[in-house]
Amino acid sequence: MQNYVFVIDQNKEPLNPITPKRARELLTKQKAAVFRMYPVRYPENAKCRN
């Protein structure tokens, strides 16, 4: 299973996920910026299963 990076456009609309390699290239060329390191948020009162 390959990892993917979630991408949003300038209007904060979701785009197709891209590979980490492509994301690094965009960051290096300053064509992209990090919006959030951890996109998944869980409610504080949610119970986790072990």
Protein backbone atom coordinates (compact mmCIF):
# COMPACT_ATOMS: atom_id res chain seq x y z
CA MET A 1 0.00 0.00 0.00
CA GLN A 2 1.44 3.33 -1.06
CA ASN A 3 1.19 6.50 1.01
CA TYR A 4 -0.55 9.56 -0.36
CA VAL A 5 -0.51 13.23 0.53
CA PHE A 6 -3.79 15.12 0.55
CA VAL A 7 -3.71 18.33 -1.45
CA ILE A 8 -5.92 21.42 -1.43
CA ASP A 9 -5.98 24.30 -3.88
CA GLN A 10 -5.80 28.03 -3.14
CA ASN A 11 -9.54 28.07 -2.38
CA LYS A 12 -9.06 25.23 0.14
CA GLU A 13 -10.94 22.78 -2.08
CA PRO A 14 -9.64 19.17 -2.04
CA LEU A 15 -7.70 17.88 -5.05
CA ASN A 16 -6.56 14.38 -5.92
CA PRO A 17 -4.06 12.86 -3.47
CA ILE A 18 -0.45 12.75 -4.71
CA THR A 19 2.57 10.68 -3.78
CA PRO A 20 5.03 11.95 -1.14
CA LYS A 21 7.73 12.21 -3.83
CA ARG A 22 5.61 14.60 -5.89
CA ALA A 23 4.72 16.58 -2.77
CA ARG A 24 8.42 16.99 -1.87
CA GLU A 25 9.13 18.21 -5.42
CA LEU A 26 6.39 20.83 -5.16
CA LEU A 27 7.66 21.95 -1.76
CA THR A 28 11.24 22.23 -3.05
CA LYS A 29 10.11 24.32 -6.03
CA GLN A 30 7.96 26.43 -3.67
CA LYS A 31 4.86 25.56 -5.67
CA ALA A 32 3.20 24.25 -2.50
CA ALA A 33 3.20 24.85 1.24
CA VAL A 34 2.27 22.72 4.24
CA PHE A 35 -1.25 23.52 5.41
CA ARG A 36 -1.55 21.02 8.26
CA MET A 37 0.73 18.19 9.35
CA TYR A 38 -2.05 15.92 10.60
CA PRO A 39 -5.27 16.20 8.56
CA VAL A 40 -7.23 13.66 10.62
CA ARG A 41 -8.92 14.99 13.73
CA TYR A 42 -10.90 12.92 16.17
CA PRO A 43 -13.47 14.35 18.57
CA GLU A 44 -12.13 14.70 22.10
CA ASN A 45 -14.94 12.59 23.55
CA ALA A 46 -14.47 9.72 21.06
CA LYS A 47 -13.46 6.39 22.57
CA CYS A 48 -10.61 4.46 20.94
CA ARG A 49 -10.72 0.70 20.61
CA ASN A 50 -7.64 -1.32 21.53
